[in-house]
Amino acid sequence: MIKLIGAIIIIIATTWTGFEAARNFSDRPKQLRALRSALQSLEAEIMYSHTPLHEAARRLAAQLANPLSRFFEGFANKLTNTETTVKDAWETSLQEIWKLTALKQGEFEIMKQFGETLGRHDRFSQQKQILLTLSHLEREEADAIDRQAKYEKMLKSLGFLSGLLLIILLF
């Protein structure tokens, strides 16, 4: 009886580990879609509403889910509460939340480069920068979807099967 309970605990633990490892592959495309949507909203705020950057960031924070809402909220707070440049506020906010995301270093570099141009140009040049960033993120999203299709199911199965192997070896 104790062996059976131990085997069940091992299967549950390894399966859960496999699902947690696979979650990163499913979260990344979702977060990239949300990030692209946020940048499209930012473009609309800049181009059509002529909203100040800190106010646009606050509006985005209210619309988005974590961790992106925390990013835009932190960015807006840094712009209004500290003496900093837009570039530094953007980069600091990115670094603060990046570990909480499922996004990769490539997306970090894209967003960092976008932050370097943010607020430095007229509206139309800014729109071009947003569109360029969106195209880069679209490419990254396609890669994320491809990786999700390849590896998500494998990791889930690997968790379960490693539990079975462990049970066979132990018993």
N, C-alpha and C. Protein backbone atom coordinates (compact mmCIF):
# COMPACT_ATOMS: atom_id res chain seq x y z
N MET A 1 0.83 -1.20 0.00
CA MET A 1 0.00 0.00 0.00
C MET A 1 0.87 1.26 0.00
N ILE A 2 1.93 1.24 0.81
CA ILE A 2 2.81 2.41 0.89
C ILE A 2 3.53 2.60 -0.44
N LYS A 3 3.89 1.49 -1.11
CA LYS A 3 4.54 1.59 -2.41
C LYS A 3 3.60 2.25 -3.43
N LEU A 4 2.35 1.89 -3.39
CA LEU A 4 1.37 2.46 -4.31
C LEU A 4 1.22 3.96 -4.08
N ILE A 5 1.13 4.36 -2.83
CA ILE A 5 1.03 5.79 -2.51
C ILE A 5 2.28 6.53 -2.96
N GLY A 6 3.44 5.93 -2.73
CA GLY A 6 4.70 6.53 -3.18
C GLY A 6 4.76 6.66 -4.69
N ALA A 7 4.29 5.63 -5.39
CA ALA A 7 4.28 5.66 -6.86
C ALA A 7 3.36 6.77 -7.37
N ILE A 8 2.21 6.90 -6.73
CA ILE A 8 1.26 7.96 -7.14
C ILE A 8 1.87 9.34 -6.91
N ILE A 9 2.53 9.51 -5.78
CA ILE A 9 3.16 10.81 -5.48
C ILE A 9 4.26 11.11 -6.50
N ILE A 10 5.04 10.11 -6.86
CA ILE A 10 6.11 10.31 -7.86
C ILE A 10 5.51 10.70 -9.21
N ILE A 11 4.47 9.99 -9.63
CA ILE A 11 3.82 10.31 -10.93
C ILE A 11 3.26 11.72 -10.91
N ILE A 12 2.59 12.10 -9.83
CA ILE A 12 2.01 13.44 -9.73
C ILE A 12 3.11 14.49 -9.77
N ALA A 13 4.18 14.27 -9.02
CA ALA A 13 5.26 15.26 -8.96
C ALA A 13 5.96 15.42 -10.30
N THR A 14 6.28 14.34 -10.96
CA THR A 14 7.00 14.45 -12.24
C THR A 14 6.09 14.98 -13.34
N THR A 15 4.83 14.60 -13.32
CA THR A 15 3.89 15.12 -14.31
C THR A 15 3.71 16.62 -14.11
N TRP A 16 3.56 17.04 -12.87
CA TRP A 16 3.42 18.47 -12.57
C TRP A 16 4.66 19.23 -13.02
N THR A 17 5.84 18.66 -12.80
CA THR A 17 7.09 19.29 -13.24
C THR A 17 7.11 19.43 -14.76
N GLY A 18 6.68 18.43 -15.47
CA GLY A 18 6.61 18.49 -16.93
C GLY A 18 5.65 19.57 -17.41
N PHE A 19 4.50 19.68 -16.75
CA PHE A 19 3.52 20.71 -17.13
C PHE A 19 4.04 22.11 -16.83
N GLU A 20 4.76 22.26 -15.72
CA GLU A 20 5.34 23.57 -15.39
C GLU A 20 6.41 23.96 -16.40
N ALA A 21 7.23 23.00 -16.81
CA ALA A 21 8.25 23.29 -17.81
C ALA A 21 7.60 23.65 -19.15
N ALA A 22 6.51 23.01 -19.48
CA ALA A 22 5.81 23.28 -20.75
C ALA A 22 5.04 24.60 -20.71
N ARG A 23 4.70 25.07 -19.53
CA ARG A 23 3.93 26.31 -19.41
C ARG A 23 4.65 27.50 -20.02
N ASN A 24 5.95 27.52 -19.90
CA ASN A 24 6.73 28.61 -20.48
C ASN A 24 6.53 28.68 -22.00
N PHE A 25 6.41 27.52 -22.63
CA PHE A 25 6.20 27.48 -24.07
C PHE A 25 4.82 27.97 -24.47
N SER A 26 3.83 27.83 -23.61
CA SER A 26 2.49 28.33 -23.94
C SER A 26 2.31 29.79 -23.52
N ASP A 27 3.03 30.22 -22.48
CA ASP A 27 2.90 31.62 -22.03
C ASP A 27 3.59 32.60 -22.96
N ARG A 28 4.69 32.18 -23.57
CA ARG A 28 5.45 33.12 -24.41
C ARG A 28 4.63 33.68 -25.58
N PRO A 29 3.94 32.86 -26.38
CA PRO A 29 3.13 33.45 -27.47
C PRO A 29 2.01 34.36 -26.95
N LYS A 30 1.41 34.00 -25.83
CA LYS A 30 0.35 34.84 -25.25
C LYS A 30 0.91 36.20 -24.84
N GLN A 31 2.06 36.20 -24.20
CA GLN A 31 2.65 37.46 -23.76
C GLN A 31 3.13 38.29 -24.94
N LEU A 32 3.61 37.65 -25.99
CA LEU A 32 4.02 38.39 -27.18
C LEU A 32 2.81 39.04 -27.86
N ARG A 33 1.69 38.32 -27.92
CA ARG A 33 0.46 38.90 -28.49
C ARG A 33 0.01 40.09 -27.66
N ALA A 34 0.07 39.95 -26.35
CA ALA A 34 -0.33 41.05 -25.47
C ALA A 34 0.60 42.25 -25.64
N LEU A 35 1.88 41.99 -25.79
CA LEU A 35 2.86 43.06 -25.98
C LEU A 35 2.63 43.77 -27.31
N ARG A 36 2.37 43.01 -28.35
CA ARG A 36 2.07 43.63 -29.65
C ARG A 36 0.80 44.47 -29.56
N SER A 37 -0.20 43.95 -28.90
CA SER A 37 -1.45 44.69 -28.72
C SER A 37 -1.20 45.98 -27.94
N ALA A 38 -0.36 45.90 -26.92
CA ALA A 38 -0.05 47.09 -26.12
C ALA A 38 0.65 48.15 -26.97
N LEU A 39 1.58 47.72 -27.81
CA LEU A 39 2.28 48.68 -28.65
C LEU A 39 1.35 49.29 -29.70
N GLN A 40 0.40 48.52 -30.18
CA GLN A 40 -0.59 49.07 -31.12
C GLN A 40 -1.46 50.10 -30.42
N SER A 41 -1.82 49.83 -29.17
CA SER A 41 -2.60 50.80 -28.40
C SER A 41 -1.78 52.05 -28.12
N LEU A 42 -0.50 51.86 -27.83
CA LEU A 42 0.39 53.00 -27.60
C LEU A 42 0.49 53.86 -28.86
N GLU A 43 0.56 53.20 -30.00
CA GLU A 43 0.59 53.93 -31.27
C GLU A 43 -0.67 54.78 -31.44
N ALA A 44 -1.82 54.19 -31.15
CA ALA A 44 -3.08 54.93 -31.27
C ALA A 44 -3.12 56.11 -30.31
N GLU A 45 -2.64 55.90 -29.09
CA GLU A 45 -2.62 56.99 -28.10
C GLU A 45 -1.72 58.13 -28.57
N ILE A 46 -0.57 57.78 -29.13
CA ILE A 46 0.38 58.80 -29.58
C ILE A 46 -0.14 59.51 -30.83
N MET A 47 -0.59 58.73 -31.80
CA MET A 47 -0.93 59.30 -33.10
C MET A 47 -2.27 60.05 -33.10
N TYR A 48 -3.27 59.51 -32.45
CA TYR A 48 -4.61 60.05 -32.61
C TYR A 48 -5.12 60.80 -31.39
N SER A 49 -4.73 60.36 -30.22
CA SER A 49 -5.21 61.03 -29.01
C SER A 49 -4.25 62.10 -28.51
N HIS A 50 -3.01 62.07 -29.00
CA HIS A 50 -1.98 63.01 -28.55
C HIS A 50 -1.81 62.96 -27.03
N THR A 51 -1.92 61.76 -26.47
CA THR A 51 -1.82 61.55 -25.04
C THR A 51 -0.37 61.61 -24.60
N PRO A 52 -0.07 62.28 -23.49
CA PRO A 52 1.31 62.24 -22.96
C PRO A 52 1.72 60.80 -22.66
N LEU A 53 2.99 60.54 -22.77
CA LEU A 53 3.51 59.18 -22.65
C LEU A 53 3.18 58.54 -21.31
N HIS A 54 3.31 59.28 -20.22
CA HIS A 54 3.03 58.69 -18.90
C HIS A 54 1.55 58.33 -18.76
N GLU A 55 0.68 59.16 -19.33
CA GLU A 55 -0.76 58.87 -19.26
C GLU A 55 -1.11 57.67 -20.15
N ALA A 56 -0.51 57.59 -21.33
CA ALA A 56 -0.73 56.44 -22.21
C ALA A 56 -0.28 55.16 -21.54
N ALA A 57 0.86 55.22 -20.85
CA ALA A 57 1.37 54.03 -20.15
C ALA A 57 0.42 53.61 -19.03
N ARG A 58 -0.13 54.58 -18.31
CA ARG A 58 -1.10 54.25 -17.25
C ARG A 58 -2.36 53.59 -17.82
N ARG A 59 -2.83 54.11 -18.93
CA ARG A 59 -4.01 53.51 -19.57
C ARG A 59 -3.72 52.08 -20.01
N LEU A 60 -2.54 51.87 -20.57
CA LEU A 60 -2.16 50.52 -20.99
C LEU A 60 -2.08 49.58 -19.79
N ALA A 61 -1.52 50.06 -18.69
CA ALA A 61 -1.41 49.24 -17.48
C ALA A 61 -2.78 48.79 -17.00
N ALA A 62 -3.77 49.66 -17.13
CA ALA A 62 -5.13 49.32 -16.69
C ALA A 62 -5.76 48.26 -17.60
N GLN A 63 -5.34 48.20 -18.86
CA GLN A 63 -5.94 47.28 -19.83
C GLN A 63 -5.29 45.90 -19.84
N LEU A 64 -4.04 45.83 -19.44
CA LEU A 64 -3.27 44.60 -19.61
C LEU A 64 -3.26 43.73 -18.36
N ALA A 65 -2.88 42.48 -18.56
CA ALA A 65 -2.71 41.55 -17.44
C ALA A 65 -1.25 41.57 -17.00
N ASN A 66 -0.99 41.05 -15.81
CA ASN A 66 0.39 40.94 -15.34
C ASN A 66 1.15 39.97 -16.23
N PRO A 67 2.42 40.12 -16.42
CA PRO A 67 3.35 41.09 -15.86
C PRO A 67 3.45 42.38 -16.68
N LEU A 68 2.79 42.42 -17.85
CA LEU A 68 2.90 43.62 -18.70
C LEU A 68 2.25 44.84 -18.06
N SER A 69 1.19 44.64 -17.30
CA SER A 69 0.56 45.78 -16.63
C SER A 69 1.53 46.39 -15.61
N ARG A 70 2.27 45.53 -14.93
CA ARG A 70 3.26 46.03 -13.97
C ARG A 70 4.37 46.80 -14.67
N PHE A 71 4.74 46.35 -15.87
CA PHE A 71 5.76 47.05 -16.63
C PHE A 71 5.30 48.47 -16.97
N PHE A 72 4.11 48.60 -17.55
CA PHE A 72 3.64 49.92 -17.96
C PHE A 72 3.33 50.80 -16.75
N GLU A 73 2.86 50.21 -15.67
CA GLU A 73 2.62 50.98 -14.45
C GLU A 73 3.94 51.52 -13.89
N GLY A 74 4.95 50.66 -13.84
CA GLY A 74 6.26 51.09 -13.36
C GLY A 74 6.87 52.15 -14.26
N PHE A 75 6.69 51.99 -15.56
CA PHE A 75 7.20 52.98 -16.52
C PHE A 75 6.53 54.33 -16.31
N ALA A 76 5.21 54.33 -16.15
CA ALA A 76 4.48 55.58 -15.92
C ALA A 76 4.92 56.23 -14.61
N ASN A 77 5.08 55.43 -13.57
CA ASN A 77 5.51 55.97 -12.27
C ASN A 77 6.91 56.58 -12.35
N LYS A 78 7.80 55.92 -13.06
CA LYS A 78 9.15 56.46 -13.20
C LYS A 78 9.14 57.79 -13.97
N LEU A 79 8.29 57.88 -14.97
CA LEU A 79 8.22 59.12 -15.75
C LEU A 79 7.68 60.28 -14.91
N THR A 80 6.73 60.00 -14.04
CA THR A 80 6.10 61.09 -13.27
C THR A 80 6.77 61.36 -11.94
N ASN A 81 7.36 60.35 -11.31
CA ASN A 81 7.85 60.52 -9.94
C ASN A 81 9.36 60.68 -9.81
N THR A 82 10.10 60.47 -10.89
CA THR A 82 11.56 60.57 -10.80
C THR A 82 12.09 61.47 -11.91
N GLU A 83 13.27 61.97 -11.67
CA GLU A 83 13.96 62.76 -12.70
C GLU A 83 14.78 61.78 -13.54
N THR A 84 14.21 61.32 -14.63
CA THR A 84 14.88 60.34 -15.48
C THR A 84 14.49 60.59 -16.93
N THR A 85 15.25 60.01 -17.82
CA THR A 85 14.91 60.09 -19.23
C THR A 85 13.90 59.00 -19.56
N VAL A 86 13.22 59.15 -20.68
CA VAL A 86 12.27 58.13 -21.12
C VAL A 86 13.01 56.81 -21.35
N LYS A 87 14.17 56.91 -21.97
CA LYS A 87 14.97 55.71 -22.26
C LYS A 87 15.33 54.96 -20.97
N ASP A 88 15.80 55.69 -19.96
CA ASP A 88 16.19 55.04 -18.71
C ASP A 88 14.98 54.47 -17.96
N ALA A 89 13.88 55.19 -17.97
CA ALA A 89 12.66 54.70 -17.31
C ALA A 89 12.18 53.42 -17.98
N TRP A 90 12.22 53.40 -19.31
CA TRP A 90 11.79 52.23 -20.08
C TRP A 90 12.68 51.03 -19.77
N GLU A 91 13.99 51.25 -19.83
CA GLU A 91 14.93 50.14 -19.62
C GLU A 91 14.86 49.62 -18.18
N THR A 92 14.78 50.51 -17.21
CA THR A 92 14.68 50.08 -15.82
C THR A 92 13.41 49.28 -15.59
N SER A 93 12.30 49.75 -16.15
CA SER A 93 11.03 49.03 -16.01
C SER A 93 11.10 47.66 -16.66
N LEU A 94 11.75 47.59 -17.82
CA LEU A 94 11.92 46.28 -18.49
C LEU A 94 12.71 45.32 -17.62
N GLN A 95 13.81 45.80 -17.06
CA GLN A 95 14.66 44.93 -16.24
C GLN A 95 13.94 44.46 -14.98
N GLU A 96 13.09 45.29 -14.43
CA GLU A 96 12.38 44.93 -13.20
C GLU A 96 11.40 43.78 -13.42
N ILE A 97 10.73 43.74 -14.56
CA ILE A 97 9.69 42.72 -14.74
C ILE A 97 10.13 41.57 -15.64
N TRP A 98 11.28 41.67 -16.27
CA TRP A 98 11.62 40.68 -17.30
C TRP A 98 11.68 39.27 -16.77
N LYS A 99 12.17 39.07 -15.55
CA LYS A 99 12.25 37.72 -14.99
C LYS A 99 10.87 37.12 -14.73
N LEU A 100 9.86 37.97 -14.65
CA LEU A 100 8.50 37.49 -14.41
C LEU A 100 7.80 37.05 -15.69
N THR A 101 8.41 37.33 -16.84
CA THR A 101 7.79 37.00 -18.11
C THR A 101 8.33 35.68 -18.65
N ALA A 102 7.67 35.18 -19.67
CA ALA A 102 8.14 33.99 -20.37
C ALA A 102 8.93 34.38 -21.62
N LEU A 103 9.21 35.66 -21.77
CA LEU A 103 9.86 36.17 -22.97
C LEU A 103 11.36 35.91 -22.92
N LYS A 104 11.97 35.89 -24.09
CA LYS A 104 13.39 35.55 -24.24
C LYS A 104 14.24 36.81 -24.39
N GLN A 105 15.54 36.62 -24.47
CA GLN A 105 16.49 37.72 -24.59
C GLN A 105 16.28 38.50 -25.89
N GLY A 106 15.89 37.83 -26.97
CA GLY A 106 15.65 38.51 -28.24
C GLY A 106 14.55 39.56 -28.11
N GLU A 107 13.47 39.21 -27.42
CA GLU A 107 12.39 40.17 -27.21
C GLU A 107 12.85 41.31 -26.31
N PHE A 108 13.70 41.01 -25.33
CA PHE A 108 14.23 42.05 -24.46
C PHE A 108 15.01 43.07 -25.28
N GLU A 109 15.86 42.59 -26.18
CA GLU A 109 16.66 43.50 -27.01
C GLU A 109 15.77 44.34 -27.92
N ILE A 110 14.73 43.74 -28.48
CA ILE A 110 13.79 44.48 -29.34
C ILE A 110 13.12 45.59 -28.54
N MET A 111 12.65 45.25 -27.34
CA MET A 111 11.97 46.25 -26.52
C MET A 111 12.94 47.31 -26.01
N LYS A 112 14.16 46.91 -25.71
CA LYS A 112 15.17 47.87 -25.25
C LYS A 112 15.48 48.87 -26.37
N GLN A 113 15.65 48.36 -27.59
CA GLN A 113 15.92 49.25 -28.73
C GLN A 113 14.75 50.19 -28.98
N PHE A 114 13.53 49.69 -28.83
CA PHE A 114 12.35 50.54 -28.99
C PHE A 114 12.36 51.66 -27.94
N GLY A 115 12.71 51.31 -26.71
CA GLY A 115 12.75 52.30 -25.64
C GLY A 115 13.77 53.39 -25.89
N GLU A 116 14.83 53.07 -26.63
CA GLU A 116 15.84 54.08 -26.94
C GLU A 116 15.32 55.15 -27.89
N THR A 117 14.31 54.79 -28.69
CA THR A 117 13.76 55.77 -29.64
C THR A 117 12.49 56.44 -29.11
N LEU A 118 11.93 55.88 -28.05
CA LEU A 118 10.65 56.37 -27.53
C LEU A 118 10.76 57.80 -27.03
N GLY A 119 9.90 58.66 -27.51
CA GLY A 119 9.86 60.05 -27.06
C GLY A 119 10.91 60.95 -27.68
N ARG A 120 11.71 60.44 -28.59
CA ARG A 120 12.78 61.25 -29.17
C ARG A 120 12.42 61.86 -30.52
N HIS A 121 11.37 61.35 -31.14
CA HIS A 121 11.04 61.76 -32.50
C HIS A 121 9.65 62.37 -32.56
N ASP A 122 9.31 62.90 -33.73
CA ASP A 122 7.94 63.39 -33.91
C ASP A 122 6.99 62.20 -34.00
N ARG A 123 5.71 62.48 -34.04
CA ARG A 123 4.71 61.41 -34.01
C ARG A 123 4.87 60.43 -35.15
N PHE A 124 5.15 60.92 -36.36
CA PHE A 124 5.21 60.03 -37.52
C PHE A 124 6.46 59.14 -37.49
N SER A 125 7.57 59.69 -37.05
CA SER A 125 8.78 58.86 -36.89
C SER A 125 8.57 57.84 -35.78
N GLN A 126 7.88 58.26 -34.72
CA GLN A 126 7.57 57.34 -33.62
C GLN A 126 6.68 56.21 -34.11
N GLN A 127 5.72 56.55 -34.97
CA GLN A 127 4.84 55.53 -35.53
C GLN A 127 5.65 54.51 -36.34
N LYS A 128 6.62 54.98 -37.10
CA LYS A 128 7.47 54.07 -37.88
C LYS A 128 8.26 53.15 -36.95
N GLN A 129 8.75 53.70 -35.84
CA GLN A 129 9.49 52.88 -34.88
C GLN A 129 8.59 51.82 -34.25
N ILE A 130 7.36 52.20 -33.95
CA ILE A 130 6.41 51.24 -33.38
C ILE A 130 6.12 50.14 -34.39
N LEU A 131 5.89 50.50 -35.65
CA LEU A 131 5.61 49.50 -36.68
C LEU A 131 6.80 48.57 -36.89
N LEU A 132 8.01 49.11 -36.84
CA LEU A 132 9.21 48.27 -36.94
C LEU A 132 9.30 47.30 -35.77
N THR A 133 9.05 47.80 -34.58
CA THR A 133 9.08 46.94 -33.39
C THR A 133 8.00 45.87 -33.48
N LEU A 134 6.81 46.23 -33.96
CA LEU A 134 5.73 45.26 -34.11
C LEU A 134 6.12 44.16 -35.09
N SER A 135 6.79 44.52 -36.18
CA SER A 135 7.19 43.49 -37.15
C SER A 135 8.23 42.55 -36.54
N HIS A 136 9.16 43.09 -35.74
CA HIS A 136 10.13 42.23 -35.05
C HIS A 136 9.43 41.30 -34.06
N LEU A 137 8.48 41.85 -33.31
CA LEU A 137 7.76 41.02 -32.33
C LEU A 137 6.88 39.98 -33.02
N GLU A 138 6.36 40.31 -34.19
CA GLU A 138 5.56 39.35 -34.95
C GLU A 138 6.43 38.15 -35.36
N ARG A 139 7.65 38.44 -35.77
CA ARG A 139 8.59 37.37 -36.13
C ARG A 139 8.91 36.50 -34.91
N GLU A 140 9.12 37.14 -33.77
CA GLU A 140 9.39 36.40 -32.54
C GLU A 140 8.18 35.57 -32.11
N GLU A 141 6.99 36.10 -32.33
CA GLU A 141 5.78 35.36 -31.99
C GLU A 141 5.64 34.11 -32.86
N ALA A 142 5.95 34.24 -34.14
CA ALA A 142 5.90 33.07 -35.03
C ALA A 142 6.89 32.01 -34.55
N ASP A 143 8.08 32.43 -34.14
CA ASP A 143 9.07 31.50 -33.59
C ASP A 143 8.55 30.86 -32.31
N ALA A 144 7.91 31.65 -31.45
CA ALA A 144 7.38 31.12 -30.19
C ALA A 144 6.29 30.09 -30.44
N ILE A 145 5.43 30.34 -31.41
CA ILE A 145 4.36 29.39 -31.74
C ILE A 145 4.96 28.10 -32.28
N ASP A 146 5.99 28.23 -33.11
CA ASP A 146 6.68 27.07 -33.66
C ASP A 146 7.31 26.23 -32.54
N ARG A 147 7.99 26.91 -31.62
CA ARG A 147 8.61 26.19 -30.50
C ARG A 147 7.56 25.55 -29.59
N GLN A 148 6.44 26.23 -29.41
CA GLN A 148 5.37 25.67 -28.60
C GLN A 148 4.87 24.38 -29.22
N ALA A 149 4.66 24.39 -30.52
CA ALA A 149 4.17 23.19 -31.21
C ALA A 149 5.17 22.04 -31.10
N LYS A 150 6.46 22.36 -31.14
CA LYS A 150 7.49 21.32 -31.09
C LYS A 150 7.69 20.74 -29.70
N TYR A 151 7.73 21.60 -28.69
CA TYR A 151 8.25 21.17 -27.39
C TYR A 151 7.23 21.05 -26.25
N GLU A 152 6.10 21.73 -26.35
CA GLU A 152 5.17 21.72 -25.22
C GLU A 152 4.66 20.32 -24.90
N LYS A 153 4.16 19.63 -25.90
CA LYS A 153 3.62 18.29 -25.66
C LYS A 153 4.73 17.32 -25.23
N MET A 154 5.92 17.51 -25.81
CA MET A 154 7.04 16.64 -25.46
C MET A 154 7.39 16.77 -23.98
N LEU A 155 7.43 18.01 -23.48
CA LEU A 155 7.78 18.20 -22.07
C LEU A 155 6.72 17.63 -21.13
N LYS A 156 5.47 17.77 -21.50
CA LYS A 156 4.40 17.19 -20.68
C LYS A 156 4.53 15.67 -20.62
N SER A 157 4.76 15.07 -21.78
CA SER A 157 4.92 13.61 -21.83
C SER A 157 6.17 13.17 -21.11
N LEU A 158 7.23 13.94 -21.26
CA LEU A 158 8.50 13.61 -20.62
C LEU A 158 8.36 13.60 -19.09
N GLY A 159 7.59 14.53 -18.55
CA GLY A 159 7.36 14.55 -17.10
C GLY A 159 6.69 13.27 -16.63
N PHE A 160 5.64 12.88 -17.33
CA PHE A 160 4.91 11.67 -16.96
C PHE A 160 5.78 10.42 -17.13
N LEU A 161 6.45 10.34 -18.27
CA LEU A 161 7.25 9.16 -18.55
C LEU A 161 8.48 9.04 -17.63
N SER A 162 9.05 10.17 -17.25
CA SER A 162 10.17 10.09 -16.31
C SER A 162 9.68 9.59 -14.95
N GLY A 163 8.45 9.92 -14.59
CA GLY A 163 7.88 9.38 -13.35
C GLY A 163 7.71 7.88 -13.42
N LEU A 164 7.24 7.42 -14.57
CA LEU A 164 7.10 5.97 -14.75
C LEU A 164 8.46 5.26 -14.67
N LEU A 165 9.46 5.86 -15.32
CA LEU A 165 10.80 5.28 -15.28
C LEU A 165 11.34 5.24 -13.86
N LEU A 166 11.13 6.28 -13.13
CA LEU A 166 11.58 6.34 -11.75
C LEU A 166 10.90 5.28 -10.90
N ILE A 167 9.62 5.09 -11.11
CA ILE A 167 8.89 4.06 -10.36
C ILE A 167 9.42 2.67 -10.70
N ILE A 168 9.67 2.43 -11.98
CA ILE A 168 10.21 1.13 -12.39
C ILE A 168 11.57 0.88 -11.77
N LEU A 169 12.39 1.91 -11.76
CA LEU A 169 13.74 1.75 -11.19
C LEU A 169 13.71 1.56 -9.67
N LEU A 170 12.80 2.23 -9.00
CA LEU A 170 12.73 2.14 -7.54
C LEU A 170 12.03 0.88 -7.04
N PHE A 171 11.07 0.42 -7.79
CA PHE A 171 10.30 -0.73 -7.31
C PHE A 171 10.66 -1.92 -8.12
